Protein backbone atom coordinates (compact mmCIF):
# COMPACT_ATOMS: atom_id res chain seq x y z
CA MET A 1 48.02 -21.57 -43.99
CA SER A 2 49.32 -19.89 -40.86
CA ASN A 3 52.49 -17.80 -41.00
CA THR A 4 53.57 -19.22 -37.66
CA PRO A 5 57.24 -20.29 -37.84
CA PRO A 6 57.86 -24.03 -38.12
CA ILE A 7 58.45 -25.83 -34.84
CA ALA A 8 59.74 -29.03 -36.38
CA THR A 9 61.49 -29.86 -39.66
CA PRO A 10 61.88 -33.63 -39.96
CA GLU A 11 63.70 -35.06 -42.94
CA ILE A 12 61.74 -37.67 -44.87
CA ASN A 13 62.65 -40.04 -47.73
CA LYS A 14 59.55 -41.08 -49.64
CA ALA A 15 61.37 -42.98 -52.39
CA LYS A 16 64.20 -45.45 -51.97
CA ASN A 17 66.93 -43.27 -53.50
CA ALA A 18 65.31 -39.86 -53.10
CA PRO A 19 67.34 -37.14 -51.36
CA PRO A 20 66.09 -36.02 -47.94
CA HIS A 21 63.71 -33.08 -47.88
CA GLU A 22 62.16 -31.10 -45.07
CA ILE A 23 58.52 -31.09 -44.03
CA LYS A 24 57.88 -27.96 -41.99
CA ILE A 25 55.30 -28.39 -39.25
CA ASN A 26 53.86 -25.26 -37.68
CA CYS A 27 51.57 -24.58 -34.74
CA ALA A 28 48.39 -24.43 -36.81
CA GLN A 29 49.08 -27.87 -38.22
CA LEU A 30 49.66 -29.31 -34.75
CA TRP A 31 46.40 -27.78 -33.54
CA SER A 32 44.74 -29.45 -36.53
CA LEU A 33 46.21 -32.75 -35.40
CA ALA A 34 44.96 -32.16 -31.86
CA GLN A 35 41.44 -31.43 -33.13
CA ALA A 36 41.48 -34.55 -35.25
CA GLN A 37 42.35 -36.52 -32.12
CA ALA A 38 39.41 -34.96 -30.25
CA ILE A 39 37.03 -36.03 -33.00
CA ARG A 40 38.54 -39.51 -33.22
CA ARG A 41 38.02 -40.10 -29.49
CA LEU A 42 34.26 -39.79 -30.02
CA SER A 43 34.17 -41.85 -33.21
CA THR A 44 33.98 -45.49 -34.08
CA GLN A 45 34.68 -47.48 -37.22
CA ARG A 46 31.55 -48.84 -38.84
CA LYS A 47 30.03 -49.37 -42.26
CA GLU A 48 28.40 -46.21 -43.55
CA TYR A 49 25.51 -48.09 -45.14
CA TYR A 50 24.91 -51.05 -42.87
CA PRO A 51 25.57 -53.86 -43.73
CA PHE A 52 27.27 -52.72 -46.95
CA GLY A 53 30.18 -50.50 -47.86
CA SER A 54 33.63 -50.01 -46.41
CA LYS A 55 34.24 -49.05 -42.80
CA LYS A 56 34.58 -45.37 -41.98
CA TRP A 57 35.26 -43.36 -38.85
CA MET A 58 31.91 -41.96 -37.77
CA LEU A 59 30.80 -40.10 -34.64
CA VAL A 60 29.18 -42.19 -31.96
CA SER A 61 25.55 -41.11 -32.29
CA ASP A 62 24.25 -41.85 -28.79
CA PHE A 63 24.67 -38.84 -26.47
CA SER A 64 25.03 -40.95 -23.33
CA THR A 65 27.76 -43.09 -24.89
CA ARG A 66 29.60 -39.95 -25.95
CA ALA A 67 29.45 -38.67 -22.35
CA ALA A 68 30.80 -41.98 -21.05
CA ARG A 69 33.68 -41.85 -23.55
CA ILE A 70 34.42 -38.25 -22.59
CA ALA A 71 34.49 -39.21 -18.91
CA GLY A 72 36.86 -42.06 -19.79
CA VAL A 73 39.25 -39.80 -21.68
CA TYR A 74 39.25 -37.22 -18.88
CA ALA A 75 40.05 -39.98 -16.37
CA SER A 76 42.79 -41.29 -18.63
CA PHE A 77 44.37 -37.83 -18.78
CA TYR A 78 44.39 -37.57 -15.01
CA LEU A 79 46.10 -40.97 -14.80
CA GLU A 80 48.70 -39.88 -17.41
CA LYS A 81 47.59 -42.62 -19.81
CA GLU A 82 46.93 -40.35 -22.79
CA ASP A 83 49.46 -39.49 -25.52
CA GLY A 84 52.64 -38.09 -23.99
CA GLY A 85 51.55 -38.93 -20.46
CA GLN A 86 54.21 -39.24 -17.75
CA VAL A 87 53.24 -41.23 -14.68
CA ALA A 88 55.72 -39.28 -12.56
CA PHE A 89 53.53 -36.20 -13.13
CA LYS A 90 50.22 -37.88 -12.24
CA GLY A 91 47.91 -35.31 -10.72
CA ARG A 92 49.13 -32.31 -12.74
CA PHE A 93 45.95 -32.51 -14.85
CA TYR A 94 43.93 -32.12 -11.66
CA TRP A 95 40.79 -30.73 -13.28
CA MET A 96 40.61 -33.84 -15.44
CA GLY A 97 39.99 -36.05 -12.43
CA LEU A 98 37.04 -33.90 -11.36
CA ALA A 99 35.82 -33.65 -14.97
CA ALA A 100 35.70 -37.45 -15.21
CA PHE A 101 33.07 -37.46 -12.44
CA ALA A 102 31.29 -34.47 -14.01
CA SER A 103 30.93 -36.10 -17.43
CA LYS A 104 29.74 -39.24 -15.67
CA GLN A 105 26.95 -37.10 -14.16
CA VAL A 106 26.10 -35.83 -17.65
CA MET A 107 25.92 -39.46 -18.78
CA CYS A 108 23.50 -40.16 -15.93
CA GLY A 109 21.36 -37.18 -16.89
CA LEU A 110 21.27 -38.34 -20.49
CA ASN A 111 20.35 -41.86 -19.38
CA PHE A 112 17.37 -40.31 -17.59
CA THR A 113 16.21 -38.67 -20.81
CA ARG A 114 15.94 -42.14 -22.35
CA ILE A 115 13.31 -43.05 -19.74
CA VAL A 116 11.18 -40.07 -20.69
CA ASP A 117 11.71 -40.74 -24.40
CA ALA A 118 10.48 -44.29 -23.90
CA ALA A 119 7.29 -43.22 -22.07
CA PRO A 120 3.98 -43.62 -23.93
CA LYS A 121 3.06 -40.73 -26.24
CA LYS A 122 0.08 -39.52 -24.23
CA PRO A 123 -1.13 -35.89 -24.47
CA VAL A 124 -0.45 -35.32 -20.78
CA LEU A 125 3.22 -36.19 -21.32
CA ILE A 126 3.80 -33.97 -24.35
CA PRO A 127 5.12 -30.97 -22.31
CA ALA A 128 7.49 -33.28 -20.41
CA LYS A 129 8.75 -34.78 -23.65
CA ILE A 130 9.38 -31.34 -25.14
CA LEU A 131 11.34 -30.23 -22.08
CA ASN A 132 13.16 -33.56 -22.10
CA HIS A 133 14.24 -33.02 -25.70
CA ILE A 134 15.53 -29.52 -24.92
CA GLY A 135 17.39 -30.78 -21.86
CA LYS A 136 18.92 -33.69 -23.74
CA ASN A 137 20.02 -31.44 -26.59
CA GLY A 138 21.56 -28.92 -24.17
CA LEU A 139 23.46 -31.51 -22.16
CA GLY A 140 24.69 -33.23 -25.30
CA LYS A 141 25.76 -30.02 -26.99
CA GLY A 142 27.54 -28.56 -23.96
CA ASN A 143 29.40 -31.76 -23.12
CA PHE A 144 30.41 -32.37 -26.74
CA TRP A 145 31.81 -28.90 -27.43
CA LEU A 146 33.47 -28.56 -24.06
CA PHE A 147 35.34 -31.74 -24.94
CA GLN A 148 36.29 -30.40 -28.38
CA ASP A 149 37.77 -27.39 -26.61
CA ILE A 150 39.41 -28.76 -23.47
CA PHE A 151 40.74 -32.05 -24.84
CA CYS A 152 43.00 -30.27 -27.30
CA TRP A 153 44.62 -27.96 -24.74
CA HIS A 154 45.55 -30.96 -22.60
CA TRP A 155 46.53 -33.23 -25.49
CA PHE A 156 48.81 -30.61 -27.03
CA TYR A 157 50.47 -29.84 -23.69
CA SER A 158 50.95 -33.54 -22.91
CA LYS A 159 52.25 -34.37 -26.39
CA PHE A 160 54.27 -31.21 -27.17
CA PRO A 161 55.02 -29.49 -23.84
CA ASP A 162 58.00 -27.56 -25.22
CA SER A 163 55.84 -25.95 -27.90
CA PHE A 164 52.60 -25.39 -25.99
CA PHE A 165 53.19 -21.85 -24.75
CA SER A 166 54.59 -20.58 -28.03
CA CYS A 167 51.72 -22.21 -29.95
CA LYS A 168 48.74 -21.56 -27.67
CA SER A 169 47.74 -18.32 -29.43
CA ALA A 170 47.77 -20.03 -32.82
CA ARG A 171 44.74 -22.20 -32.09
CA ASN A 172 41.82 -21.10 -34.27
CA SER A 173 39.33 -23.35 -36.01
CA ASP A 174 39.47 -21.05 -39.06
CA THR A 175 43.18 -21.81 -39.60
CA PHE A 176 43.08 -25.60 -39.25
CA GLU A 177 44.28 -27.64 -42.21
CA LYS A 178 41.40 -27.76 -44.69
CA PRO A 179 40.34 -31.42 -44.14
CA ILE A 180 40.16 -30.83 -40.38
CA ALA A 181 38.52 -27.41 -40.71
CA ASP A 182 35.88 -28.97 -42.96
CA ALA A 183 35.34 -31.85 -40.53
CA VAL A 184 34.94 -29.47 -37.59
CA LYS A 185 32.35 -27.43 -39.50
CA LYS A 186 30.34 -30.62 -40.03
CA LEU A 187 30.26 -31.53 -36.33
CA PRO A 188 26.91 -31.34 -34.51
CA TRP A 189 25.88 -27.81 -33.52
CA SER A 190 29.07 -26.36 -35.09
CA GLU A 191 27.40 -23.45 -36.89
CA GLU A 192 26.08 -21.97 -33.65
CA SER A 193 28.83 -23.23 -31.33
CA LEU A 194 32.07 -22.10 -32.97
CA PRO A 195 31.18 -18.37 -33.01
CA ALA A 196 29.90 -18.62 -29.42
CA ILE A 197 33.22 -19.98 -28.16
CA ASN A 198 35.40 -17.76 -30.35
CA ASN A 199 36.56 -20.52 -32.69
CA LEU A 200 38.36 -22.38 -29.88
CA LYS A 201 40.93 -19.63 -29.32
CA VAL A 202 42.99 -19.38 -26.15
CA THR A 203 41.57 -17.55 -23.12
CA PRO A 204 43.32 -15.96 -20.13
CA GLU A 205 41.96 -18.75 -17.94
CA VAL A 206 43.52 -21.45 -20.13
CA SER A 207 46.86 -19.63 -20.16
CA SER A 208 46.81 -19.27 -16.38
CA ALA A 209 45.79 -22.91 -15.83
CA PHE A 210 48.64 -24.33 -17.88
CA GLU A 211 51.21 -22.05 -16.29
CA LEU A 212 50.05 -23.52 -12.97
CA ILE A 213 50.09 -27.07 -14.36
CA LYS A 214 53.69 -26.58 -15.48
CA GLU A 215 54.61 -25.33 -12.00
CA THR A 216 53.13 -28.43 -10.33
CA GLU A 217 55.58 -30.62 -12.23
CA ALA A 218 58.45 -29.34 -10.10
CA LEU A 219 56.60 -29.34 -6.76
CA THR A 220 55.64 -31.82 -4.07
CA GLY A 221 53.50 -31.87 -0.95
CA GLU A 222 51.44 -28.90 0.14
CA GLU A 223 52.88 -26.50 -2.44
CA ARG A 224 51.91 -28.87 -5.25
CA ALA A 225 48.41 -29.30 -3.80
CA LYS A 226 47.90 -25.52 -3.77
CA LYS A 227 48.90 -25.22 -7.43
CA GLN A 228 46.70 -28.18 -8.38
CA TYR A 229 43.67 -26.54 -6.78
CA LYS A 230 44.38 -23.18 -8.42
CA SER A 231 44.76 -24.80 -11.85
CA LEU A 232 41.47 -26.65 -11.31
CA LEU A 233 39.63 -23.41 -10.54
CA ALA A 234 41.20 -21.65 -13.54
CA ILE A 235 39.94 -24.36 -15.89
CA ALA A 236 36.59 -24.49 -14.09
CA ASN A 237 36.14 -20.77 -14.75
CA HIS A 238 37.08 -21.31 -18.40
CA GLU A 239 34.78 -24.25 -19.00
CA GLN A 240 31.83 -22.81 -17.11
CA LEU A 241 31.99 -19.15 -18.18
CA ASN A 242 33.74 -19.16 -21.55
CA ILE A 243 32.23 -22.37 -22.90
CA LEU A 244 29.10 -23.68 -21.18
CA GLN A 245 27.54 -20.35 -20.25
CA LYS A 246 27.74 -19.20 -23.87
CA LEU A 247 26.78 -22.53 -25.41
CA ILE A 248 23.81 -23.60 -23.29
CA TYR A 249 23.12 -21.66 -20.10
CA ASN A 250 22.28 -18.39 -21.89
CA ASP A 251 19.63 -20.19 -23.95
CA TRP A 252 16.12 -19.24 -22.80
CA SER A 253 14.54 -22.61 -23.58
CA PHE A 254 17.28 -24.47 -21.70
CA GLN A 255 16.79 -22.14 -18.73
CA LYS A 256 13.07 -22.93 -18.65
CA THR A 257 13.88 -26.66 -18.77
CA LEU A 258 16.20 -26.28 -15.78
CA ASP A 259 13.50 -24.33 -13.94
CA ALA A 260 11.05 -27.17 -14.55
CA GLN A 261 13.57 -29.73 -13.34
CA LYS A 262 14.14 -27.72 -10.15
CA LEU A 263 10.40 -27.61 -9.45
CA ALA A 264 10.07 -31.37 -9.96
CA GLU A 265 13.25 -32.23 -8.04
CA GLY A 266 12.62 -35.06 -5.59
CA ALA A 267 9.78 -36.56 -7.62
CA PRO A 268 10.17 -40.19 -8.76
CA LEU A 269 12.73 -40.60 -11.56
CA VAL A 270 13.64 -36.88 -11.59
CA PRO A 271 17.43 -36.55 -11.18
CA LEU A 272 18.84 -34.35 -8.44
CA ARG A 273 21.28 -31.52 -9.08
CA SER A 274 24.14 -33.42 -7.52
CA ALA A 275 27.67 -34.67 -8.07
CA ALA A 276 28.77 -38.07 -6.76
CA PHE A 277 32.41 -39.06 -6.45
CA SER A 278 31.71 -42.59 -7.59
CA THR A 279 31.10 -44.53 -10.78
CA LEU A 280 27.47 -44.62 -9.58
CA CYS A 281 25.06 -41.86 -10.55
CA ASP A 282 24.38 -41.06 -6.91
CA LEU A 283 24.89 -42.49 -3.44
CA ASP A 284 23.84 -41.81 0.13
CA ASP A 285 27.22 -41.04 1.69
CA PRO A 286 27.33 -37.25 2.25
CA ASP A 287 31.12 -37.35 2.28
CA LEU A 288 31.11 -38.54 -1.33
CA ARG A 289 28.49 -36.26 -2.85
CA GLU A 290 27.50 -32.61 -3.17
CA GLN A 291 24.03 -31.33 -3.98
CA MET A 292 22.71 -27.98 -5.12
CA HIS A 293 19.67 -27.16 -2.99
CA ASP A 294 19.12 -23.48 -3.82
CA GLY A 295 19.80 -21.24 -6.80
CA LYS A 296 19.65 -21.59 -10.55
CA LEU A 297 22.18 -23.59 -12.53
CA TYR A 298 22.04 -21.14 -15.41
CA HIS A 299 22.91 -18.21 -13.17
CA ALA A 300 26.70 -18.01 -13.59
CA GLN A 301 27.62 -16.94 -10.06
CA GLN A 302 25.16 -19.30 -8.38
CA ARG A 303 26.46 -22.19 -10.48
CA MET A 304 30.07 -21.26 -9.76
CA ASP A 305 29.32 -21.25 -6.03
CA PHE A 306 28.12 -24.83 -6.45
CA ILE A 307 31.15 -25.73 -8.58
CA VAL A 308 33.51 -24.40 -5.90
CA LYS A 309 31.77 -26.56 -3.27
CA ILE A 310 32.24 -29.59 -5.53
CA ALA A 311 35.88 -28.64 -6.14
CA ASP A 312 36.52 -28.24 -2.41
CA LYS A 313 35.07 -31.67 -1.68
CA TYR A 314 37.07 -33.21 -4.53
CA HIS A 315 40.25 -31.57 -3.26
CA ASN A 316 39.59 -32.83 0.27
CA LEU A 317 38.89 -36.36 -0.92
CA MET A 318 42.01 -36.41 -3.10
CA ARG A 319 44.02 -35.63 0.02
CA LYS A 320 42.26 -37.94 2.47
CA LYS A 321 40.94 -40.77 0.29
CA LYS A 322 43.27 -40.66 -2.68
CA SER A 323 43.41 -44.42 -3.16
CA TYR A 324 39.61 -44.63 -3.33
CA MET A 325 39.33 -41.63 -5.65
CA GLU A 326 41.99 -42.86 -8.07
CA GLY A 327 40.37 -46.29 -8.05
CA GLU A 328 37.06 -44.75 -9.16
CA ILE A 329 38.87 -42.62 -11.75
CA ALA A 330 40.63 -45.74 -13.08
CA SER A 331 37.26 -47.49 -13.43
CA ILE A 332 35.86 -44.53 -15.38
CA ALA A 333 38.96 -44.55 -17.60
CA SER A 334 37.86 -47.96 -18.89
CA TRP A 335 34.89 -46.29 -20.58
CA LYS A 336 36.99 -44.34 -23.10
CA ASN A 337 36.29 -46.74 -25.98
CA ILE A 338 32.83 -47.91 -24.95
CA GLU A 339 30.48 -48.64 -27.85
């Protein structure tokens, strides 16, 4: 167990006439609780051996449904409807609003893979099916582990804001309480993912982002908007460079799949490299979408150039069409418990 000093010491009576005694709760235990919440958000209660046996919490198996749930949770965070949320601070978790649309795009990409999976097993389609499998696995893996990382930073800050900065350096999947540590090690792709993302430890980008988030809580108007945008970019750098680049974009087979997608872009049923600020997968209105026309998604700088364009459009829309944007975000929030 961590040697981190306790941050709470509630007194609990377990028996009717038992004297009070203290339960010391430290940072590592709270990070364990946060991680358990991240896993629970992507789980559902069902019978382990259908139709027999007792109900257990089990991960939602369908990748697309996971992505929809993730989008819903991100949207809920933006709207301050997650644990500890405060409506007066709505907009402080600015990246979460953009991430709701991003995970929706992942859902759309995963829905496309179903079409290819369902195609007849003809020899001519074997290469496409292999690339489809690699693409599906990459999208699913990246989206899943990004959520396991980023959910907990936001949940902890929302739930325990007074302890976040003193506890941020204590997050480490190796020091979780044993039941949670064991559960995390059993998650999909955990053996390769945890070392790649440094066991979920804090990064300079996360520290910077939450300092900015805290500052937005005391600001209004243009000054608040500037801090929101800066916090968004700090988290975007974290999620793209510290998490997704290491998890999926450095993988040679995933790179070749993205190259193949780029070559086939525009062909029937081949998804575009685009982001739509809508619950729809894509739309025609250029004011509500951004598309990558040149460059490689797995090239970090080229992808970040595209991400900044998306962020700029999001920021502009949140200033000029806020009611529309928050309406779309609210609709996505309804997906958080989708089956």
